[in-house]
Amino acid sequence: MEDLFGNNYSEKPVHINIYADEVQNKECPYLGHSWHYIGIIIEDLSNPLLTDIVGERFKYNFDNNSPYYEKNNKIVHWTDISSHDEKNICKRWLEYVTNPKKSKDKFYSYILGLNDSFLQKEEFDIEDEFNSKYNKFFRTAVTYSLKVFFPNRKIIIENIFHEEGQQQYNKYFPWHIIYKLSDEENIHFNCEEINFLPKDHNKNTNSNMVQLCDLILGISTTIIHGIADENSRRFNYIKELIDIYSPMFCRMIDNPSNIKSHYQYTRRMMINFFPKEKTELGDIERFKNQFYTKRELYYIEKHSKQQCLPF
C-alpha cells in the first residue's frame, strides 16, 4: 500500500522466533543421489505457537501428578519413535499442524532439500564441506521463507534456535547468518548468535519446537525416500503418522500454490528442492530456474501403487 506521497508502508512489524533442524545424507531410492534437508519453523510471537504445541503435548493437562503426565512428557525424535506414548504426541502435533482452524497464522514451516550430488564441491570449504554448504543454504532458506510468509513486513527476529549439533562448533555458523542478513532492508535482529538447544524439552521448553521441527522433517523425508525396515513394530507407528500428514504433503508437492485446499497451507507451509540439474561452474546462468517443488514420493508410490493426484 502507498501513502499520499507515494511511499510504501505495511502493517506493524512482526516479531518472530526461528527454529531449525537438519537431516543429512538421505539416498534417493530412484537415482541414488545423496540429499540433505534443512527444516525451519517460524513462530509469529503475536500468535504464539509454542504455547499451543506444549498444550497439545500434554492434552492441556499439566498436573504432573496425573498418571498421564509422564506418558505425554516423552522426548520425541523421529528416528527413535518406539512407543504408543511417543506416537500419540506426534499424532496430536500433526493433527494440529494440518488443521487450519488451529494452526493458521501460527504455524509456518519451510523445508529446503539439497541434492548434494548436483552441488559443485569446488564452491565450498573442502575442510568442512557439510557446514560450508549448510551455512550458505540455511541463509537462503531463512531469507526466502521470511519474504514469502511475511511479504512487505518489517521483520524483527528475536531468536534463532537450532538443535545442538556439529554446526555449533563451526567458526562461522553461529553468527554468520545474522551478520549477512542484517543488510536486508526489512530484516532486523535482537540476537547476536544462534541459540543451540538440547533435544530435551525438560531442560528448555523451546526444545518442544525443535522436536516438532524434527518431526516435520522426519516425516517429510520418509514420505520422499521411504523407510528401510517395514517389518518392525515401529513401522506401524510411522504408518499411522504418515496417514495423517501425507494427504497435505502430497498437495504441497503436486500443487504448491493451490489456495483451494482445505488445509490452507499456501504461504505458511512450503518445500523446495535444489538444484534441478548439475551445472558447470562457468555457466553464468547456472542457478536460473534451479529451484523446484515436484518430486517422486517413494513411500506413497510403494504403498498406493500410484502417484499423488492434485487436489
Protein backbone atom coordinates (compact mmCIF):
# COMPACT_ATOMS: atom_id res chain seq x y z
CA MET A 1 0.00 0.00 0.00
CA GLU A 2 1.09 3.63 -0.51
CA ASP A 3 0.51 6.82 1.45
CA LEU A 4 -0.43 10.21 -0.08
CA PHE A 5 3.21 10.83 -1.01
CA GLY A 6 3.66 7.52 -2.86
CA ASN A 7 5.72 5.90 -0.09
CA ASN A 8 5.19 2.21 0.60
CA TYR A 9 4.04 1.21 4.03
CA SER A 10 2.84 -2.01 5.56
CA GLU A 11 1.42 -3.45 8.74
CA LYS A 12 3.18 -3.18 12.07
CA PRO A 13 6.45 -5.14 12.45
CA VAL A 14 6.23 -8.87 13.02
CA HIS A 15 8.37 -10.30 15.83
CA ILE A 16 9.42 -13.90 15.30
CA ASN A 17 11.41 -16.83 16.59
CA ILE A 18 13.03 -19.23 14.14
CA TYR A 19 13.57 -22.92 14.95
CA ALA A 20 15.72 -25.15 12.75
CA ASP A 21 16.98 -28.69 12.29
CA GLU A 22 18.52 -30.76 9.51
CA VAL A 23 18.59 -34.24 8.01
CA GLN A 24 21.75 -35.43 6.28
CA ASN A 25 22.67 -37.99 3.65
CA LYS A 26 19.32 -39.41 2.55
CA GLU A 27 19.75 -41.59 -0.51
CA CYS A 28 17.33 -41.17 -3.40
CA PRO A 29 15.72 -44.60 -3.97
CA TYR A 30 15.39 -43.90 -7.69
CA LEU A 31 18.73 -42.38 -8.73
CA GLY A 32 21.00 -42.97 -5.75
CA HIS A 33 21.69 -39.25 -5.26
CA SER A 34 22.59 -38.02 -1.80
CA TRP A 35 20.26 -35.41 -0.25
CA HIS A 36 20.47 -33.03 2.70
CA TYR A 37 17.44 -31.24 4.13
CA ILE A 38 17.05 -28.03 6.12
CA GLY A 39 13.87 -27.58 8.13
CA ILE A 40 12.60 -24.29 9.55
CA ILE A 41 9.61 -23.45 11.72
CA ILE A 42 8.78 -19.78 12.26
CA GLU A 43 6.75 -18.54 15.19
CA ASP A 44 4.96 -15.22 14.97
CA LEU A 45 5.19 -14.10 18.58
CA SER A 46 1.93 -12.15 18.32
CA ASN A 47 0.25 -15.55 17.71
CA PRO A 48 2.35 -17.82 19.92
CA LEU A 49 2.86 -21.34 18.60
CA LEU A 50 4.96 -22.74 21.43
CA THR A 51 2.09 -22.42 23.92
CA ASP A 52 -0.17 -24.48 21.66
CA ILE A 53 2.49 -27.13 20.98
CA VAL A 54 3.11 -27.64 24.70
CA GLY A 55 -0.65 -27.73 25.27
CA GLU A 56 -1.15 -30.35 22.57
CA ARG A 57 1.70 -32.42 24.01
CA PHE A 58 0.03 -32.65 27.41
CA LYS A 59 -3.58 -32.54 26.15
CA TYR A 60 -3.76 -29.38 28.27
CA ASN A 61 -3.39 -31.44 31.44
CA PHE A 62 -0.34 -30.01 33.21
CA ASP A 63 -0.83 -31.81 36.51
CA ASN A 64 2.48 -33.61 36.98
CA ASN A 65 0.78 -35.91 39.49
CA SER A 66 -1.54 -37.18 36.79
CA PRO A 67 -0.87 -40.76 35.62
CA TYR A 68 -0.83 -39.40 32.05
CA TYR A 69 1.75 -36.68 32.64
CA GLU A 70 4.82 -38.88 32.16
CA LYS A 71 3.25 -40.57 29.14
CA ASN A 72 2.96 -37.16 27.50
CA ASN A 73 6.36 -35.95 28.67
CA LYS A 74 8.42 -38.20 26.37
CA ILE A 75 11.19 -36.76 24.22
CA VAL A 76 10.15 -37.11 20.59
CA HIS A 77 12.73 -37.99 17.94
CA TRP A 78 11.52 -39.25 14.57
CA THR A 79 14.14 -41.95 14.08
CA ASP A 80 13.59 -43.29 17.61
CA ILE A 81 9.79 -43.42 17.86
CA SER A 82 9.17 -46.77 19.51
CA SER A 83 6.17 -46.43 21.82
CA HIS A 84 2.49 -45.55 21.77
CA ASP A 85 3.20 -42.55 24.00
CA GLU A 86 5.73 -41.00 21.58
CA LYS A 87 3.48 -41.77 18.63
CA ASN A 88 0.48 -40.16 20.29
CA ILE A 89 2.37 -36.92 20.98
CA CYS A 90 3.36 -36.80 17.30
CA LYS A 91 -0.19 -37.58 16.27
CA ARG A 92 -1.61 -34.66 18.21
CA TRP A 93 1.04 -32.33 16.78
CA LEU A 94 0.36 -33.44 13.21
CA GLU A 95 -3.39 -33.12 13.67
CA TYR A 96 -2.77 -29.60 14.94
CA VAL A 97 -0.50 -28.66 12.02
CA THR A 98 -2.89 -29.99 9.38
CA ASN A 99 -5.93 -28.28 10.94
CA PRO A 100 -6.03 -24.66 9.71
CA LYS A 101 -8.63 -23.75 12.32
CA LYS A 102 -5.93 -24.32 14.92
CA SER A 103 -2.64 -23.61 13.15
CA LYS A 104 -3.35 -20.92 10.55
CA ASP A 105 -1.45 -17.70 11.35
CA LYS A 106 0.56 -19.68 13.92
CA PHE A 107 2.44 -22.47 12.16
CA TYR A 108 4.89 -21.55 9.38
CA SER A 109 7.30 -24.15 8.04
CA TYR A 110 9.77 -24.39 5.20
CA ILE A 111 11.90 -27.31 4.02
CA LEU A 112 14.76 -26.96 1.54
CA GLY A 113 16.06 -30.19 0.05
CA LEU A 114 19.59 -30.09 -1.39
CA ASN A 115 20.71 -32.61 -3.98
CA ASP A 116 24.30 -32.93 -2.82
CA SER A 117 25.16 -35.00 -5.88
CA PHE A 118 24.44 -31.94 -8.05
CA LEU A 119 26.38 -29.40 -5.97
CA GLN A 120 29.88 -28.43 -7.09
CA LYS A 121 32.31 -29.31 -4.30
CA GLU A 122 34.78 -26.68 -5.53
CA GLU A 123 32.45 -23.93 -4.32
CA PHE A 124 32.67 -24.99 -0.69
CA ASP A 125 35.27 -25.37 2.04
CA ILE A 126 36.86 -28.76 1.45
CA GLU A 127 37.98 -28.98 5.08
CA ASP A 128 34.45 -28.56 6.44
CA GLU A 129 32.32 -29.33 3.41
CA PHE A 130 28.94 -30.03 5.00
CA ASN A 131 28.95 -27.00 7.30
CA SER A 132 30.10 -24.79 4.44
CA LYS A 133 27.11 -25.92 2.38
CA TYR A 134 24.74 -25.77 5.31
CA ASN A 135 25.76 -22.25 6.26
CA LYS A 136 25.08 -20.96 2.75
CA PHE A 137 21.76 -22.68 2.18
CA PHE A 138 20.48 -22.12 5.70
CA ARG A 139 20.72 -18.42 4.97
CA THR A 140 18.90 -18.97 1.65
CA ALA A 141 16.12 -20.93 3.36
CA VAL A 142 15.58 -18.31 6.07
CA THR A 143 15.59 -15.37 3.64
CA TYR A 144 13.19 -16.97 1.19
CA SER A 145 10.72 -18.18 3.81
CA LEU A 146 10.57 -14.80 5.56
CA LYS A 147 9.86 -12.97 2.31
CA VAL A 148 7.11 -15.40 1.35
CA PHE A 149 5.46 -15.71 4.76
CA PHE A 150 5.64 -12.01 5.69
CA PRO A 151 5.75 -10.00 2.44
CA ASN A 152 6.34 -6.25 2.75
CA ARG A 153 6.58 -6.50 6.53
CA LYS A 154 9.33 -5.31 8.80
CA ILE A 155 10.60 -8.50 10.44
CA ILE A 156 12.28 -8.48 13.83
CA ILE A 157 13.99 -11.78 14.65
CA GLU A 158 14.11 -12.20 18.40
CA ASN A 159 15.83 -15.60 18.42
CA ILE A 160 17.16 -18.27 16.09
CA PHE A 161 17.10 -21.68 17.75
CA HIS A 162 18.83 -24.75 16.34
CA GLU A 163 19.18 -28.24 17.73
CA GLU A 164 22.58 -28.95 19.22
CA GLY A 165 24.96 -30.50 16.72
CA GLN A 166 28.11 -30.04 14.71
CA GLN A 167 27.02 -26.61 13.45
CA GLN A 168 27.56 -25.03 16.87
CA TYR A 169 31.28 -25.81 16.63
CA ASN A 170 31.69 -24.25 13.20
CA LYS A 171 33.52 -20.93 13.39
CA TYR A 172 31.00 -19.21 11.09
CA PHE A 173 27.57 -20.76 11.54
CA PRO A 174 26.50 -19.38 14.95
CA TRP A 175 26.79 -15.74 13.82
CA HIS A 176 27.19 -15.59 10.05
CA ILE A 177 23.52 -15.55 9.08
CA ILE A 178 22.85 -12.64 11.45
CA TYR A 179 25.79 -10.71 10.03
CA LYS A 180 24.73 -11.31 6.41
CA LEU A 181 21.00 -10.71 6.78
CA SER A 182 21.48 -7.52 8.77
CA ASP A 183 21.97 -5.86 5.38
CA GLU A 184 18.44 -6.79 4.32
CA GLU A 185 16.19 -3.74 4.43
CA ASN A 186 13.22 -5.29 6.25
CA ILE A 187 15.02 -7.81 8.49
CA HIS A 188 16.32 -6.84 11.92
CA PHE A 189 17.80 -8.88 14.77
CA ASN A 190 17.50 -8.71 18.53
CA CYS A 191 20.03 -11.53 18.90
CA GLU A 192 23.72 -11.79 18.09
CA GLU A 193 24.11 -15.57 17.70
CA ILE A 194 22.11 -18.71 17.10
CA ASN A 195 20.95 -20.37 20.31
CA PHE A 196 21.60 -24.13 20.30
CA LEU A 197 19.02 -26.19 22.16
CA PRO A 198 19.13 -29.70 23.62
CA LYS A 199 16.57 -32.22 22.43
CA ASP A 200 15.13 -32.49 25.96
CA HIS A 201 12.19 -30.10 26.49
CA ASN A 202 12.53 -30.60 30.25
CA LYS A 203 15.79 -28.66 30.07
CA ASN A 204 14.41 -25.90 27.84
CA THR A 205 10.74 -25.54 26.89
CA ASN A 206 11.74 -24.19 23.45
CA SER A 207 13.05 -27.67 22.71
CA ASN A 208 9.42 -28.68 22.13
CA MET A 209 9.70 -26.72 18.90
CA VAL A 210 12.96 -28.41 17.95
CA GLN A 211 11.21 -31.75 18.40
CA LEU A 212 8.33 -30.52 16.23
CA CYS A 213 10.80 -29.44 13.55
CA ASP A 214 12.46 -32.86 13.72
CA LEU A 215 9.03 -34.46 13.30
CA ILE A 216 8.08 -32.40 10.24
CA LEU A 217 11.48 -33.02 8.63
CA GLY A 218 11.47 -36.70 9.53
CA ILE A 219 8.01 -37.49 8.23
CA SER A 220 8.55 -35.43 5.04
CA THR A 221 11.83 -37.13 4.16
CA THR A 222 10.34 -40.54 4.93
CA ILE A 223 7.48 -39.88 2.50
CA ILE A 224 10.06 -38.89 -0.14
CA HIS A 225 12.69 -41.57 0.49
CA GLY A 226 10.75 -44.38 2.12
CA ILE A 227 11.59 -46.32 5.27
CA ALA A 228 14.14 -49.11 5.47
CA ASP A 229 12.53 -51.59 7.88
CA GLU A 230 8.83 -52.07 7.29
CA ASN A 231 8.69 -55.28 9.31
CA SER A 232 9.36 -53.63 12.64
CA ARG A 233 6.74 -52.67 15.21
CA ARG A 234 7.97 -49.10 14.82
CA PHE A 235 6.68 -49.08 11.24
CA ASN A 236 3.09 -49.35 12.49
CA TYR A 237 3.57 -46.11 14.42
CA ILE A 238 5.22 -44.43 11.44
CA LYS A 239 2.49 -45.54 9.06
CA GLU A 240 -0.25 -44.09 11.28
CA LEU A 241 1.53 -40.74 11.37
CA ILE A 242 2.18 -40.70 7.63
CA ASP A 243 -1.51 -41.40 7.01
CA ILE A 244 -2.29 -38.16 8.85
CA TYR A 245 0.32 -35.95 7.20
CA SER A 246 0.72 -37.33 3.66
CA PRO A 247 -2.57 -36.05 2.13
CA MET A 248 -1.49 -32.47 2.79
CA PHE A 249 2.14 -33.15 1.90
CA CYS A 250 1.14 -34.60 -1.48
CA ARG A 251 -0.78 -31.45 -2.28
CA MET A 252 2.19 -29.30 -1.30
CA ILE A 253 4.41 -31.28 -3.68
CA ASP A 254 1.99 -31.59 -6.60
CA ASN A 255 0.28 -28.22 -6.42
CA PRO A 256 2.16 -25.86 -4.07
CA SER A 257 0.05 -22.78 -4.83
CA ASN A 258 -3.38 -24.40 -4.64
CA ILE A 259 -5.33 -21.93 -2.49
CA LYS A 260 -8.45 -24.12 -2.70
CA SER A 261 -7.01 -26.83 -0.47
CA HIS A 262 -8.91 -27.14 2.78
CA TYR A 263 -5.53 -27.44 4.52
CA GLN A 264 -4.88 -23.78 3.67
CA TYR A 265 -1.12 -24.36 3.55
CA THR A 266 -0.38 -21.65 0.97
CA ARG A 267 2.10 -19.06 2.29
CA ARG A 268 2.55 -20.91 5.55
CA MET A 269 3.96 -24.34 4.59
CA MET A 270 6.37 -24.90 1.71
CA ILE A 271 9.01 -27.29 0.42
CA ASN A 272 11.56 -26.67 -2.35
CA PHE A 273 14.36 -28.69 -3.87
CA PHE A 274 17.67 -27.51 -5.35
CA PRO A 275 19.27 -27.80 -7.85
CA LYS A 276 17.21 -29.30 -10.65
CA GLU A 277 20.30 -30.33 -12.59
CA LYS A 278 24.07 -30.29 -12.31
CA THR A 279 25.62 -27.26 -13.99
CA GLU A 280 29.12 -26.20 -14.88
CA LEU A 281 31.00 -23.62 -12.82
CA GLY A 282 31.50 -21.32 -15.80
CA ASP A 283 27.80 -21.09 -16.68
CA ILE A 284 26.67 -17.55 -15.76
CA GLU A 285 23.02 -18.62 -15.65
CA ARG A 286 23.66 -21.87 -13.79
CA PHE A 287 21.29 -21.09 -10.90
CA LYS A 288 18.42 -19.81 -13.05
CA ASN A 289 15.22 -21.85 -12.55
CA GLN A 290 17.03 -24.42 -10.40
CA PHE A 291 14.51 -24.47 -7.52
CA TYR A 292 11.53 -26.80 -7.95
CA THR A 293 8.76 -28.44 -5.95
CA LYS A 294 7.56 -31.61 -7.65
CA ARG A 295 9.25 -34.83 -6.62
CA GLU A 296 8.57 -38.55 -6.80
CA LEU A 297 7.43 -39.80 -3.40
CA TYR A 298 8.79 -43.29 -2.87
CA TYR A 299 6.72 -44.19 0.18
CA ILE A 300 3.46 -43.11 -1.48
CA GLU A 301 4.19 -44.88 -4.74
CA LYS A 302 5.22 -48.05 -2.96
CA HIS A 303 2.11 -48.24 -0.81
CA SER A 304 -0.54 -46.83 -3.11
CA LYS A 305 0.87 -48.05 -6.45
CA GLN A 306 0.08 -44.63 -7.88
CA GLN A 307 1.34 -41.08 -7.70
CA CYS A 308 -0.33 -38.37 -5.65
CA LEU A 309 -3.19 -36.75 -7.51
CA PRO A 310 -3.70 -32.96 -7.48
CA PHE A 311 -6.42 -31.74 -5.20
